[in-house]
Amino acid sequence: MHYLTLIHIDPALLAELPAEEYDRLMRGCFEKADALRDAGCLLGSQQLEDPAGARTLRVRDGLARVTDGPFAETREFLAGFNLIEADSMDAAMAIAREFPWARFGSIEVRPVRDMQAVRSRVGAG
């Protein structure tokens, strides 16, 4: 089954981290990601740019509204994601625990819905 790990970062906690420590943690993440990819568990991953460059679109009552930045009522912001293959939620959580970012925010692990099953159910091919 596929799971998406959504990595949320609290910029205040991350700012307290010395640059050398951040670089060490990132090197370790790349090494773990490479090993997971080689093992067939990591299907894709990406860091996101700073949320200040984001825009959010909302349509309400037929009116579109675009605002700068993400919509968030928390200090944490989405910093990146990993798409992983795991046998269970427990196995997916074990993979998430291999990365240090929960110390600086949170890592949400969410099952990925089978879009082909949804397509079939709604008659979209």
N, C-alpha and C. Protein backbone atom coordinates (compact mmCIF):
# COMPACT_ATOMS: atom_id res chain seq x y z
N MET A 1 0.85 -1.18 0.00
CA MET A 1 0.00 0.00 0.00
C MET A 1 0.89 1.24 0.00
N HIS A 2 0.40 2.30 -0.62
CA HIS A 2 1.14 3.55 -0.65
C HIS A 2 0.71 4.45 0.50
N TYR A 3 1.70 5.15 1.06
CA TYR A 3 1.46 6.13 2.12
C TYR A 3 2.22 7.40 1.76
N LEU A 4 1.65 8.53 2.15
CA LEU A 4 2.31 9.81 1.96
C LEU A 4 2.72 10.33 3.32
N THR A 5 4.00 10.64 3.47
CA THR A 5 4.44 11.28 4.71
C THR A 5 4.54 12.77 4.42
N LEU A 6 3.75 13.55 5.13
CA LEU A 6 3.72 15.00 4.97
C LEU A 6 4.54 15.61 6.10
N ILE A 7 5.60 16.28 5.74
CA ILE A 7 6.55 16.80 6.72
C ILE A 7 6.23 18.27 6.98
N HIS A 8 5.78 18.54 8.19
CA HIS A 8 5.45 19.90 8.62
C HIS A 8 6.55 20.40 9.54
N ILE A 9 6.98 21.63 9.33
CA ILE A 9 8.09 22.19 10.08
C ILE A 9 7.63 23.45 10.82
N ASP A 10 8.08 23.58 12.07
CA ASP A 10 7.90 24.82 12.82
C ASP A 10 9.16 25.65 12.58
N PRO A 11 9.07 26.75 11.84
CA PRO A 11 10.28 27.51 11.49
C PRO A 11 11.04 28.02 12.71
N ALA A 12 10.35 28.29 13.81
CA ALA A 12 11.04 28.77 15.02
C ALA A 12 11.95 27.68 15.58
N LEU A 13 11.46 26.43 15.60
CA LEU A 13 12.30 25.33 16.08
C LEU A 13 13.46 25.06 15.14
N LEU A 14 13.20 25.15 13.85
CA LEU A 14 14.26 24.91 12.87
C LEU A 14 15.32 26.00 12.93
N ALA A 15 14.91 27.23 13.20
CA ALA A 15 15.85 28.35 13.27
C ALA A 15 16.84 28.19 14.42
N GLU A 16 16.45 27.46 15.46
CA GLU A 16 17.35 27.22 16.60
C GLU A 16 18.45 26.22 16.28
N LEU A 17 18.31 25.51 15.18
CA LEU A 17 19.25 24.47 14.80
C LEU A 17 20.46 25.09 14.11
N PRO A 18 21.68 24.84 14.62
CA PRO A 18 22.87 25.37 13.94
C PRO A 18 22.97 24.83 12.51
N ALA A 19 23.49 25.63 11.60
CA ALA A 19 23.57 25.27 10.18
C ALA A 19 24.30 23.94 9.98
N GLU A 20 25.37 23.72 10.73
CA GLU A 20 26.13 22.47 10.59
C GLU A 20 25.28 21.26 10.97
N GLU A 21 24.45 21.41 12.01
CA GLU A 21 23.58 20.32 12.44
C GLU A 21 22.49 20.06 11.40
N TYR A 22 21.93 21.13 10.85
CA TYR A 22 20.93 20.98 9.79
C TYR A 22 21.53 20.22 8.61
N ASP A 23 22.73 20.62 8.19
CA ASP A 23 23.39 19.95 7.07
C ASP A 23 23.64 18.48 7.38
N ARG A 24 24.03 18.16 8.61
CA ARG A 24 24.26 16.77 9.01
C ARG A 24 22.96 15.98 8.94
N LEU A 25 21.88 16.57 9.44
CA LEU A 25 20.59 15.90 9.41
C LEU A 25 20.12 15.67 7.96
N MET A 26 20.31 16.68 7.11
CA MET A 26 19.90 16.54 5.71
C MET A 26 20.71 15.46 5.00
N ARG A 27 22.02 15.41 5.26
CA ARG A 27 22.84 14.35 4.66
C ARG A 27 22.31 12.98 5.07
N GLY A 28 22.00 12.84 6.36
CA GLY A 28 21.44 11.58 6.85
C GLY A 28 20.11 11.25 6.20
N CYS A 29 19.29 12.26 5.98
CA CYS A 29 17.99 12.03 5.31
C CYS A 29 18.19 11.56 3.89
N PHE A 30 19.12 12.20 3.17
CA PHE A 30 19.38 11.77 1.79
C PHE A 30 19.89 10.34 1.75
N GLU A 31 20.76 9.99 2.70
CA GLU A 31 21.28 8.62 2.75
C GLU A 31 20.16 7.63 3.03
N LYS A 32 19.26 7.95 3.99
CA LYS A 32 18.14 7.06 4.29
C LYS A 32 17.19 6.98 3.10
N ALA A 33 16.93 8.12 2.47
CA ALA A 33 16.04 8.14 1.31
C ALA A 33 16.61 7.29 0.18
N ASP A 34 17.91 7.40 -0.06
CA ASP A 34 18.54 6.59 -1.11
C ASP A 34 18.41 5.10 -0.81
N ALA A 35 18.62 4.73 0.45
CA ALA A 35 18.50 3.32 0.85
C ALA A 35 17.07 2.83 0.70
N LEU A 36 16.09 3.66 1.09
CA LEU A 36 14.69 3.29 0.95
C LEU A 36 14.30 3.17 -0.53
N ARG A 37 14.82 4.07 -1.35
CA ARG A 37 14.55 4.03 -2.80
C ARG A 37 15.13 2.73 -3.39
N ASP A 38 16.36 2.43 -3.01
CA ASP A 38 17.01 1.22 -3.51
C ASP A 38 16.28 -0.04 -3.07
N ALA A 39 15.63 0.01 -1.91
CA ALA A 39 14.88 -1.13 -1.40
C ALA A 39 13.46 -1.19 -1.97
N GLY A 40 13.08 -0.18 -2.77
CA GLY A 40 11.76 -0.16 -3.38
C GLY A 40 10.68 0.42 -2.49
N CYS A 41 11.07 1.01 -1.37
CA CYS A 41 10.07 1.57 -0.44
C CYS A 41 9.76 3.04 -0.70
N LEU A 42 10.72 3.79 -1.20
CA LEU A 42 10.52 5.22 -1.46
C LEU A 42 10.23 5.41 -2.94
N LEU A 43 9.01 5.86 -3.24
CA LEU A 43 8.56 6.01 -4.62
C LEU A 43 8.79 7.42 -5.14
N GLY A 44 8.86 8.39 -4.24
CA GLY A 44 9.10 9.78 -4.62
C GLY A 44 9.21 10.64 -3.39
N SER A 45 9.94 11.73 -3.51
CA SER A 45 10.06 12.67 -2.40
C SER A 45 10.42 14.04 -2.96
N GLN A 46 10.07 15.06 -2.21
CA GLN A 46 10.39 16.41 -2.65
C GLN A 46 10.30 17.37 -1.49
N GLN A 47 11.22 18.32 -1.46
CA GLN A 47 11.11 19.44 -0.53
C GLN A 47 10.32 20.53 -1.22
N LEU A 48 9.63 21.34 -0.44
CA LEU A 48 8.88 22.46 -0.98
C LEU A 48 9.61 23.76 -0.66
N GLU A 49 9.45 24.74 -1.52
CA GLU A 49 10.01 26.06 -1.27
C GLU A 49 9.28 26.70 -0.09
N ASP A 50 9.83 27.78 0.41
CA ASP A 50 9.26 28.53 1.53
C ASP A 50 7.80 28.89 1.24
N PRO A 51 6.92 28.77 2.23
CA PRO A 51 5.50 29.05 1.98
C PRO A 51 5.21 30.50 1.62
N ALA A 52 6.14 31.41 1.83
CA ALA A 52 5.92 32.80 1.46
C ALA A 52 5.69 32.94 -0.05
N GLY A 53 6.19 31.99 -0.84
CA GLY A 53 6.01 32.04 -2.28
C GLY A 53 4.75 31.34 -2.77
N ALA A 54 3.95 30.83 -1.86
CA ALA A 54 2.75 30.09 -2.23
C ALA A 54 1.56 31.03 -2.43
N ARG A 55 0.57 30.53 -3.11
CA ARG A 55 -0.72 31.20 -3.23
C ARG A 55 -1.79 30.16 -2.98
N THR A 56 -2.90 30.59 -2.40
CA THR A 56 -4.00 29.69 -2.09
C THR A 56 -5.25 30.17 -2.82
N LEU A 57 -5.89 29.26 -3.54
CA LEU A 57 -7.11 29.55 -4.27
C LEU A 57 -8.30 28.97 -3.52
N ARG A 58 -9.34 29.77 -3.35
CA ARG A 58 -10.60 29.33 -2.77
C ARG A 58 -11.72 29.83 -3.66
N VAL A 59 -12.72 28.99 -3.88
CA VAL A 59 -13.92 29.40 -4.59
C VAL A 59 -15.09 29.17 -3.65
N ARG A 60 -15.80 30.24 -3.35
CA ARG A 60 -16.98 30.18 -2.48
C ARG A 60 -18.11 30.93 -3.17
N ASP A 61 -19.25 30.30 -3.23
CA ASP A 61 -20.41 30.92 -3.88
C ASP A 61 -20.07 31.42 -5.28
N GLY A 62 -19.22 30.67 -6.00
CA GLY A 62 -18.87 31.02 -7.36
C GLY A 62 -17.82 32.10 -7.50
N LEU A 63 -17.34 32.64 -6.40
CA LEU A 63 -16.31 33.68 -6.45
C LEU A 63 -14.95 33.10 -6.08
N ALA A 64 -13.99 33.34 -6.96
CA ALA A 64 -12.63 32.87 -6.71
C ALA A 64 -11.86 33.93 -5.94
N ARG A 65 -11.11 33.48 -4.96
CA ARG A 65 -10.27 34.39 -4.18
C ARG A 65 -8.89 33.76 -4.06
N VAL A 66 -7.87 34.52 -4.38
CA VAL A 66 -6.48 34.07 -4.27
C VAL A 66 -5.82 34.89 -3.18
N THR A 67 -5.18 34.18 -2.24
CA THR A 67 -4.43 34.87 -1.19
C THR A 67 -2.98 34.43 -1.26
N ASP A 68 -2.09 35.31 -0.85
CA ASP A 68 -0.67 34.97 -0.81
C ASP A 68 -0.42 34.04 0.36
N GLY A 69 0.47 33.08 0.15
CA GLY A 69 0.87 32.15 1.20
C GLY A 69 -0.14 31.03 1.36
N PRO A 70 0.22 30.06 2.18
CA PRO A 70 -0.69 28.94 2.44
C PRO A 70 -1.75 29.36 3.46
N PHE A 71 -2.84 28.63 3.50
CA PHE A 71 -3.83 28.84 4.55
C PHE A 71 -3.42 27.96 5.70
N ALA A 72 -3.07 28.58 6.81
CA ALA A 72 -2.64 27.80 7.97
C ALA A 72 -3.00 28.55 9.24
N GLU A 73 -3.51 27.81 10.19
CA GLU A 73 -3.80 28.39 11.50
C GLU A 73 -2.82 27.83 12.52
N THR A 74 -1.67 27.48 12.05
CA THR A 74 -0.62 26.94 12.90
C THR A 74 0.71 27.54 12.46
N ARG A 75 1.69 27.48 13.33
CA ARG A 75 3.02 27.99 12.96
C ARG A 75 3.71 27.04 11.98
N GLU A 76 3.35 25.77 12.03
CA GLU A 76 3.99 24.80 11.16
C GLU A 76 3.53 24.97 9.72
N PHE A 77 4.43 24.65 8.80
CA PHE A 77 4.06 24.67 7.38
C PHE A 77 4.55 23.40 6.72
N LEU A 78 3.91 23.05 5.61
CA LEU A 78 4.28 21.85 4.87
C LEU A 78 5.60 22.11 4.17
N ALA A 79 6.61 21.32 4.51
CA ALA A 79 7.96 21.53 4.00
C ALA A 79 8.36 20.51 2.94
N GLY A 80 7.66 19.38 2.90
CA GLY A 80 8.00 18.36 1.94
C GLY A 80 7.18 17.11 2.14
N PHE A 81 7.46 16.11 1.32
CA PHE A 81 6.71 14.86 1.41
C PHE A 81 7.55 13.71 0.88
N ASN A 82 7.15 12.51 1.28
CA ASN A 82 7.70 11.26 0.75
C ASN A 82 6.52 10.38 0.39
N LEU A 83 6.55 9.78 -0.78
CA LEU A 83 5.57 8.78 -1.16
C LEU A 83 6.26 7.43 -0.97
N ILE A 84 5.71 6.62 -0.07
CA ILE A 84 6.37 5.37 0.28
C ILE A 84 5.44 4.18 0.05
N GLU A 85 6.05 3.02 -0.05
CA GLU A 85 5.36 1.75 -0.14
C GLU A 85 5.62 1.03 1.18
N ALA A 86 4.55 0.58 1.83
CA ALA A 86 4.70 -0.15 3.09
C ALA A 86 3.56 -1.15 3.21
N ASP A 87 3.80 -2.20 3.98
CA ASP A 87 2.80 -3.26 4.14
C ASP A 87 1.65 -2.86 5.06
N SER A 88 1.88 -1.88 5.94
CA SER A 88 0.86 -1.49 6.91
C SER A 88 1.15 -0.08 7.41
N MET A 89 0.19 0.48 8.14
CA MET A 89 0.40 1.79 8.74
C MET A 89 1.57 1.73 9.73
N ASP A 90 1.67 0.63 10.48
CA ASP A 90 2.79 0.50 11.43
C ASP A 90 4.13 0.52 10.70
N ALA A 91 4.21 -0.16 9.56
CA ALA A 91 5.45 -0.16 8.78
C ALA A 91 5.73 1.23 8.22
N ALA A 92 4.69 1.94 7.79
CA ALA A 92 4.86 3.30 7.28
C ALA A 92 5.33 4.24 8.40
N MET A 93 4.78 4.06 9.59
CA MET A 93 5.21 4.88 10.74
C MET A 93 6.66 4.59 11.09
N ALA A 94 7.08 3.34 10.97
CA ALA A 94 8.48 2.99 11.24
C ALA A 94 9.40 3.71 10.27
N ILE A 95 8.99 3.81 9.01
CA ILE A 95 9.79 4.54 8.02
C ILE A 95 9.83 6.02 8.39
N ALA A 96 8.69 6.59 8.76
CA ALA A 96 8.63 8.01 9.13
C ALA A 96 9.55 8.30 10.31
N ARG A 97 9.64 7.36 11.26
CA ARG A 97 10.48 7.56 12.44
C ARG A 97 11.97 7.60 12.11
N GLU A 98 12.34 7.13 10.93
CA GLU A 98 13.75 7.15 10.53
C GLU A 98 14.24 8.55 10.19
N PHE A 99 13.31 9.49 10.04
CA PHE A 99 13.67 10.86 9.67
C PHE A 99 13.52 11.77 10.89
N PRO A 100 14.39 12.78 11.03
CA PRO A 100 14.43 13.59 12.25
C PRO A 100 13.41 14.72 12.33
N TRP A 101 12.62 14.94 11.30
CA TRP A 101 11.87 16.20 11.21
C TRP A 101 10.73 16.31 12.20
N ALA A 102 10.26 15.23 12.79
CA ALA A 102 9.21 15.33 13.81
C ALA A 102 9.70 16.12 15.03
N ARG A 103 11.03 16.20 15.20
CA ARG A 103 11.59 17.00 16.31
C ARG A 103 11.40 18.50 16.06
N PHE A 104 11.15 18.88 14.82
CA PHE A 104 11.05 20.30 14.45
C PHE A 104 9.67 20.64 13.91
N GLY A 105 8.71 19.78 14.13
CA GLY A 105 7.35 19.98 13.65
C GLY A 105 6.59 18.68 13.81
N SER A 106 6.15 18.12 12.70
CA SER A 106 5.43 16.85 12.75
C SER A 106 5.53 16.15 11.40
N ILE A 107 5.31 14.85 11.43
CA ILE A 107 5.24 14.07 10.20
C ILE A 107 3.89 13.36 10.21
N GLU A 108 3.04 13.75 9.28
CA GLU A 108 1.73 13.11 9.13
C GLU A 108 1.89 11.96 8.15
N VAL A 109 1.41 10.78 8.51
CA VAL A 109 1.46 9.63 7.62
C VAL A 109 0.02 9.31 7.24
N ARG A 110 -0.25 9.32 5.94
CA ARG A 110 -1.62 9.15 5.47
C ARG A 110 -1.66 8.13 4.34
N PRO A 111 -2.58 7.16 4.42
CA PRO A 111 -2.74 6.22 3.31
C PRO A 111 -3.16 6.97 2.05
N VAL A 112 -2.67 6.50 0.91
CA VAL A 112 -3.03 7.07 -0.38
C VAL A 112 -4.20 6.26 -0.93
N ARG A 113 -5.25 6.96 -1.31
CA ARG A 113 -6.44 6.31 -1.86
C ARG A 113 -6.14 5.73 -3.24
N ASP A 114 -6.73 4.60 -3.53
CA ASP A 114 -6.60 3.95 -4.82
C ASP A 114 -7.48 4.71 -5.82
N MET A 115 -6.86 5.60 -6.60
CA MET A 115 -7.62 6.43 -7.53
C MET A 115 -8.27 5.61 -8.64
N GLN A 116 -7.65 4.50 -9.04
CA GLN A 116 -8.28 3.67 -10.07
C GLN A 116 -9.59 3.09 -9.56
N ALA A 117 -9.63 2.70 -8.29
CA ALA A 117 -10.87 2.20 -7.71
C ALA A 117 -11.93 3.30 -7.68
N VAL A 118 -11.52 4.52 -7.37
CA VAL A 118 -12.48 5.64 -7.36
C VAL A 118 -12.96 5.92 -8.78
N ARG A 119 -12.03 5.93 -9.75
CA ARG A 119 -12.42 6.14 -11.16
C ARG A 119 -13.49 5.12 -11.58
N SER A 120 -13.24 3.87 -11.24
CA SER A 120 -14.19 2.82 -11.59
C SER A 120 -15.55 3.03 -10.91
N ARG A 121 -15.51 3.38 -9.64
CA ARG A 121 -16.74 3.57 -8.87
C ARG A 121 -17.60 4.69 -9.43
N VAL A 122 -16.96 5.79 -9.88
CA VAL A 122 -17.72 6.95 -10.37
C VAL A 122 -17.95 6.90 -11.88
N GLY A 123 -17.45 5.83 -12.51
CA GLY A 123 -17.66 5.69 -13.94
C GLY A 123 -16.82 6.60 -14.79
N ALA A 124 -15.60 6.88 -14.35
CA ALA A 124 -14.71 7.77 -15.09
C ALA A 124 -13.63 7.00 -15.85
N GLY A 125 -13.87 5.76 -16.11
CA GLY A 125 -12.91 4.99 -16.92
C GLY A 125 -12.08 4.18 -16.08
